[in-house]
C-alpha atoms as a PDB file:
ATOM      1  CA  MET A   1     131.662  74.093 177.161  1.00  0.00           C
ATOM      2  CA  GLU A   2     135.498  76.818 177.741  1.00  0.00           C
ATOM      3  CA  GLU A   3     135.201  77.690 180.887  1.00  0.00           C
ATOM      4  CA  LYS A   4     135.414  81.613 179.331  1.00  0.00           C
ATOM      5  CA  TYR A   5     131.678  81.848 178.897  1.00  0.00           C
ATOM      6  CA  LYS A   6     130.327  80.479 181.606  1.00  0.00           C
ATOM      7  CA  ASN A   7     127.803  83.065 183.319  1.00  0.00           C
ATOM      8  CA  SER A   8     128.550  85.358 180.061  1.00  0.00           C
ATOM      9  CA  PHE A   9     126.027  87.856 177.595  1.00  0.00           C
ATOM     10  CA  LYS A  10     127.082  84.649 175.028  1.00  0.00           C
ATOM     11  CA  TYR A  11     126.488  81.910 176.839  1.00  0.00           C
ATOM     12  CA  PHE A  12     122.741  80.904 178.294  1.00  0.00           C
ATOM     13  CA  GLU A  13     122.477  77.195 179.353  1.00  0.00           C
ATOM     14  CA  ASN A  14     119.194  76.579 180.630  1.00  0.00           C
ATOM     15  CA  ARG A  15     118.291  73.420 181.328  1.00  0.00           C
ATOM     16  CA  ASP A  16     114.961  74.663 183.391  1.00  0.00           C
ATOM     17  CA  CYS A  17     113.198  74.343 180.149  1.00  0.00           C
ATOM     18  CA  LYS A  18     110.863  71.785 179.403  1.00  0.00           C
ATOM     19  CA  PHE A  19     112.070  71.165 176.344  1.00  0.00           C
ATOM     20  CA  TYR A  20     116.527  70.709 177.710  1.00  0.00           C
ATOM     21  CA  PRO A  21     117.992  68.750 176.005  1.00  0.00           C
ATOM     22  CA  CYS A  22     116.972  69.275 171.940  1.00  0.00           C
ATOM     23  CA  HIS A  23     119.393  68.946 171.138  1.00  0.00           C
ATOM     24  CA  ASP A  24     122.292  65.703 171.073  1.00  0.00           C
ATOM     25  CA  ALA A  25     124.435  67.348 173.116  1.00  0.00           C
ATOM     26  CA  GLU A  26     126.813  68.165 176.428  1.00  0.00           C
ATOM     27  CA  HIS A  27     126.045  71.711 177.017  1.00  0.00           C
ATOM     28  CA  ILE A  28     123.437  73.843 174.417  1.00  0.00           C
ATOM     29  CA  ASN A  29     123.765  77.539 174.627  1.00  0.00           C
ATOM     30  CA  CYS A  30     119.913  77.971 174.482  1.00  0.00           C
ATOM     31  CA  LEU A  31     120.413  82.045 173.845  1.00  0.00           C
ATOM     32  CA  PHE A  32     119.646  81.377 170.524  1.00  0.00           C
ATOM     33  CA  CYS A  33     116.503  78.605 171.339  1.00  0.00           C
ATOM     34  CA  TYR A  34     115.036  79.693 167.510  1.00  0.00           C
ATOM     35  CA  CYS A  35     117.626  80.194 165.507  1.00  0.00           C
ATOM     36  CA  PRO A  36     118.054  83.857 163.840  1.00  0.00           C
ATOM     37  CA  LEU A  37     119.523  82.070 161.161  1.00  0.00           C
ATOM     38  CA  TYR A  38     116.685  79.693 160.276  1.00  0.00           C
ATOM     39  CA  LEU A  39     115.242  82.345 156.696  1.00  0.00           C
ATOM     40  CA  LYS A  40     119.551  83.345 155.975  1.00  0.00           C
ATOM     41  CA  ASP A  41     120.265  81.144 152.612  1.00  0.00           C
ATOM     42  CA  ASP A  42     123.811  82.124 153.788  1.00  0.00           C
ATOM     43  CA  CYS A  43     123.203  80.227 156.469  1.00  0.00           C
ATOM     44  CA  PRO A  44     126.512  78.109 158.190  1.00  0.00           C
ATOM     45  CA  GLY A  45     124.889  75.762 159.952  1.00  0.00           C
ATOM     46  CA  ASN A  46     124.820  72.266 159.329  1.00  0.00           C
ATOM     47  CA  HIS A  47     120.554  71.943 157.674  1.00  0.00           C
ATOM     48  CA  THR A  48     118.725  70.150 154.949  1.00  0.00           C
ATOM     49  CA  TRP A  49     116.443  70.350 152.476  1.00  0.00           C
ATOM     50  CA  VAL A  50     113.406  68.449 152.787  1.00  0.00           C
ATOM     51  CA  THR A  51     110.686  68.466 150.592  1.00  0.00           C
ATOM     52  CA  ARG A  52     106.732  68.565 151.722  1.00  0.00           C
ATOM     53  CA  LYS A  53     103.745  66.159 150.114  1.00  0.00           C
ATOM     54  CA  ASN A  54     102.903  68.676 147.660  1.00  0.00           C
ATOM     55  CA  GLY A  55     106.636  69.459 146.475  1.00  0.00           C
ATOM     56  CA  THR A  56     107.816  72.458 148.782  1.00  0.00           C
ATOM     57  CA  LYS A  57     111.210  72.545 150.361  1.00  0.00           C
ATOM     58  CA  ILE A  58     112.058  73.788 153.461  1.00  0.00           C
ATOM     59  CA  LYS A  59     114.863  74.570 155.715  1.00  0.00           C
ATOM     60  CA  SER A  60     115.049  71.264 158.269  1.00  0.00           C
ATOM     61  CA  CYS A  61     117.894  72.187 161.136  1.00  0.00           C
ATOM     62  CA  MET A  62     116.913  69.581 163.740  1.00  0.00           C
ATOM     63  CA  ASP A  63     120.996  68.182 163.569  1.00  0.00           C
ATOM     64  CA  CYS A  64     121.632  71.351 163.700  1.00  0.00           C
ATOM     65  CA  LEU A  65     124.453  73.317 166.490  1.00  0.00           C
ATOM     66  CA  TRP A  66     126.152  75.359 164.759  1.00  0.00           C
ATOM     67  CA  PRO A  67     124.284  78.609 166.485  1.00  0.00           C
ATOM     68  CA  HIS A  68     123.851  76.569 169.730  1.00  0.00           C
ATOM     69  CA  ARG A  69     127.931  76.619 170.793  1.00  0.00           C
ATOM     70  CA  ALA A  70     129.282  79.247 172.257  1.00  0.00           C
ATOM     71  CA  GLU A  71     132.031  80.032 170.267  1.00  0.00           C
ATOM     72  CA  ASN A  72     129.998  80.317 166.711  1.00  0.00           C
ATOM     73  CA  TYR A  73     127.819  83.936 168.890  1.00  0.00           C
ATOM     74  CA  GLU A  74     130.506  87.050 167.207  1.00  0.00           C
ATOM     75  CA  LYS A  75     130.108  84.911 163.541  1.00  0.00           C
ATOM     76  CA  ILE A  76     126.118  84.972 164.449  1.00  0.00           C
ATOM     77  CA  MET A  77     126.732  88.432 165.212  1.00  0.00           C
ATOM     78  CA  LYS A  78     128.471  89.145 161.876  1.00  0.00           C
ATOM     79  CA  LEU A  79     126.310  87.431 159.561  1.00  0.00           C
ATOM     80  CA  LEU A  80     123.351  89.172 161.578  1.00  0.00           C
ATOM     81  CA  ALA A  81     124.889  92.677 160.747  1.00  0.00           C
ATOM     82  CA  LYS A  82     124.902  91.990 157.232  1.00  0.00           C
ATOM     83  CA  GLY A  83     120.900  91.904 156.767  1.00  0.00           C
END
C-alpha cells in the first residue's frame, strides 16, 4: 500500500475484523468490504462465473482484489456514478 493512502478516505484496513484477512494479500482496503460492483456486468475486477447445479450462473469474486486496492478508489467512484 502506498503511504499516501494510509489513513485517508480512500483506504481503510480493519485488522480487527473477525474475517480479516478475507483475501490473500498483504494490505486489503476494507472500505469496499462488500463490493459495490458485484451486480455490474462491466466490473473490471477478476471474476469468474460459476454454474450451479440447477444451471444458473453466479459471479464469483473470491480471487478478486481489485476493489480492495486503494489506487482503484477513483475508478470505483466513476463506475458507480455511471449508474
